[in-house]
Amino acid sequence: MKTIKPEIRKRLEIAVGSTPLHDWKFKTVNLSSTKCECGQGIHTGYVFTNGTKDITVGSTCRYYFPDYIIANILVKISKDPSKSIFNDWLVISLENQGIINEWESNFYIDTIRKRKLSVKQLKCRYRINKKICKYYGLTCYLEDLE
């Protein structure tokens, strides 16, 4: 975890309240956000929720939350759906949550480290990434490969 300036940390702790950080789950990315909960200006807002409250944080404060890795990966695949998630545990987690099915999970794990995919495999990865982005409310920036 990155070290964050004490004054920023204090403001973020006020925004989060008494909810433990591991209870906050990544929800979506908000590209129209301009301010983090700590008061800093931001370009990309990472929205986390504890079930009752949503907070938007910037790239510095996102490191407080255990789910920040998911946020980073989702932003990456939303910009280029042909990219790999590159994380087995995240693929399994997505399957356990019902976001992707067992076949998609197995396909992803089998091709996760491949650099050169066939056209058919690339279309499949693109479709799975698009499905994951849609679940989190993100837009994939490339046109369909089909």
Protein backbone atom coordinates (compact mmCIF):
# COMPACT_ATOMS: atom_id res chain seq x y z
CA MET A 1 0.00 0.00 0.00
CA LYS A 2 1.27 3.48 -0.83
CA THR A 3 1.96 5.93 1.97
CA ILE A 4 -0.43 8.84 2.00
CA LYS A 5 0.15 12.23 3.58
CA PRO A 6 -1.29 12.39 7.13
CA GLU A 7 -3.63 15.32 6.39
CA ILE A 8 -5.09 13.52 3.36
CA ARG A 9 -5.41 10.32 5.38
CA LYS A 10 -7.30 12.16 8.13
CA ARG A 11 -9.81 13.70 5.66
CA LEU A 12 -10.36 10.31 3.99
CA GLU A 13 -10.93 8.61 7.36
CA ILE A 14 -13.64 11.19 8.15
CA ALA A 15 -15.34 10.40 4.81
CA VAL A 16 -15.14 6.64 5.38
CA GLY A 17 -16.32 6.88 8.99
CA SER A 18 -16.21 3.86 11.28
CA THR A 19 -16.65 1.28 8.50
CA PRO A 20 -13.51 -0.91 8.19
CA LEU A 21 -11.79 -0.45 4.84
CA HIS A 22 -12.14 -4.14 3.91
CA ASP A 23 -15.95 -3.63 3.97
CA TRP A 24 -15.71 -1.12 1.11
CA LYS A 25 -16.06 -2.80 -2.30
CA PHE A 26 -15.23 -1.36 -5.69
CA LYS A 27 -18.40 -0.28 -7.51
CA THR A 28 -17.46 1.62 -10.68
CA VAL A 29 -15.28 4.32 -12.22
CA ASN A 30 -16.64 7.85 -12.54
CA LEU A 31 -14.81 9.77 -15.26
CA SER A 32 -16.74 12.98 -14.54
CA SER A 33 -15.55 13.32 -10.94
CA THR A 34 -13.43 16.33 -10.15
CA LYS A 35 -12.84 16.01 -6.39
CA CYS A 36 -11.76 13.18 -4.12
CA GLU A 37 -13.32 12.73 -0.66
CA CYS A 38 -10.05 14.01 0.78
CA GLY A 39 -10.38 17.29 -1.13
CA GLN A 40 -7.77 16.74 -3.84
CA GLY A 41 -8.60 17.31 -7.51
CA ILE A 42 -8.85 14.14 -9.61
CA HIS A 43 -9.11 13.03 -13.24
CA THR A 44 -10.62 9.59 -12.60
CA GLY A 45 -12.94 8.86 -9.70
CA TYR A 46 -12.98 5.37 -8.22
CA VAL A 47 -16.33 4.72 -6.56
CA PHE A 48 -16.38 2.38 -3.55
CA THR A 49 -19.45 1.33 -1.58
CA ASN A 50 -20.08 -0.22 1.82
CA GLY A 51 -23.65 -1.16 0.88
CA THR A 52 -25.26 2.01 2.23
CA LYS A 53 -22.88 4.79 1.22
CA ASP A 54 -20.82 5.44 -1.91
CA ILE A 55 -17.62 7.47 -1.87
CA THR A 56 -15.49 8.67 -4.77
CA VAL A 57 -11.73 8.75 -4.37
CA GLY A 58 -8.85 9.58 -6.67
CA SER A 59 -5.83 7.59 -7.73
CA THR A 60 -3.89 8.42 -4.55
CA CYS A 61 -6.59 7.46 -2.04
CA ARG A 62 -7.74 4.32 -3.87
CA TYR A 63 -4.74 2.48 -2.38
CA TYR A 64 -6.50 2.55 0.99
CA PHE A 65 -9.08 0.08 -0.27
CA PRO A 66 -8.27 -3.62 -0.76
CA ASP A 67 -10.41 -3.65 -3.94
CA TYR A 68 -8.18 -1.05 -5.68
CA ILE A 69 -6.53 -3.84 -7.70
CA ILE A 70 -9.89 -4.66 -9.28
CA ALA A 71 -10.38 -0.97 -10.11
CA ASN A 72 -6.99 -0.79 -11.86
CA ILE A 73 -7.67 -3.90 -13.93
CA LEU A 74 -11.16 -2.77 -14.93
CA VAL A 75 -9.92 0.61 -16.12
CA LYS A 76 -7.25 -1.20 -18.17
CA ILE A 77 -9.68 -3.59 -19.89
CA SER A 78 -12.27 -0.87 -20.47
CA LYS A 79 -9.67 1.12 -22.44
CA ASP A 80 -8.57 -1.96 -24.39
CA PRO A 81 -10.88 -5.01 -24.13
CA SER A 82 -8.31 -7.21 -25.86
CA LYS A 83 -6.06 -6.96 -22.76
CA SER A 84 -5.90 -9.71 -20.19
CA ILE A 85 -7.03 -9.41 -16.57
CA PHE A 86 -3.73 -11.22 -15.74
CA ASN A 87 -4.92 -12.35 -12.34
CA ASP A 88 -6.23 -15.89 -11.70
CA TRP A 89 -7.81 -15.08 -8.34
CA LEU A 90 -9.77 -12.19 -9.84
CA VAL A 91 -11.14 -14.42 -12.62
CA ILE A 92 -12.23 -17.00 -10.03
CA SER A 93 -13.75 -14.22 -7.91
CA LEU A 94 -15.73 -12.95 -10.92
CA GLU A 95 -17.02 -16.48 -11.52
CA ASN A 96 -17.98 -16.90 -7.85
CA GLN A 97 -19.93 -13.63 -7.99
CA GLY A 98 -21.80 -14.87 -11.07
CA ILE A 99 -20.41 -12.13 -13.32
CA ILE A 100 -18.89 -14.69 -15.70
CA ASN A 101 -19.79 -18.36 -16.10
CA GLU A 102 -17.58 -21.42 -15.58
CA TRP A 103 -16.70 -21.79 -19.28
CA GLU A 104 -15.64 -18.13 -19.52
CA SER A 105 -13.58 -18.49 -16.35
CA ASN A 106 -11.81 -21.60 -17.68
CA PHE A 107 -11.18 -19.95 -21.05
CA TYR A 108 -9.73 -16.88 -19.36
CA ILE A 109 -7.44 -18.88 -17.07
CA ASP A 110 -6.24 -21.01 -20.03
CA THR A 111 -5.37 -17.92 -22.11
CA ILE A 112 -4.48 -15.44 -19.35
CA ARG A 113 -0.75 -15.32 -20.07
CA LYS A 114 -0.91 -15.77 -23.84
CA ARG A 115 0.41 -12.79 -25.74
CA LYS A 116 -0.67 -13.91 -29.18
CA LEU A 117 -4.30 -15.01 -29.41
CA SER A 118 -6.09 -16.34 -32.47
CA VAL A 119 -8.84 -14.14 -33.90
CA LYS A 120 -11.47 -16.42 -32.36
CA GLN A 121 -9.78 -16.30 -28.91
CA LEU A 122 -9.42 -12.53 -29.16
CA LYS A 123 -13.13 -12.13 -29.95
CA CYS A 124 -13.96 -14.35 -26.98
CA ARG A 125 -11.71 -12.39 -24.59
CA TYR A 126 -13.16 -9.14 -25.90
CA ARG A 127 -16.72 -10.42 -25.29
CA ILE A 128 -15.87 -11.54 -21.73
CA ASN A 129 -14.12 -8.24 -20.91
CA LYS A 130 -17.06 -6.30 -22.30
CA LYS A 131 -19.42 -8.35 -20.10
CA ILE A 132 -17.28 -7.62 -17.02
CA CYS A 133 -17.14 -3.90 -17.83
CA LYS A 134 -20.90 -3.80 -18.36
CA TYR A 135 -21.48 -5.39 -14.95
CA TYR A 136 -19.41 -2.63 -13.30
CA GLY A 137 -21.05 0.11 -15.38
CA LEU A 138 -17.98 0.84 -17.52
CA THR A 139 -17.95 1.46 -21.25
CA CYS A 140 -15.46 -0.34 -23.46
CA TYR A 141 -13.76 2.20 -25.69
CA LEU A 142 -13.19 0.05 -28.75
CA GLU A 143 -15.76 -0.95 -31.33
CA ASP A 144 -16.91 -4.57 -31.56
CA LEU A 145 -14.51 -6.93 -33.28
CA GLU A 146 -17.38 -8.82 -34.87
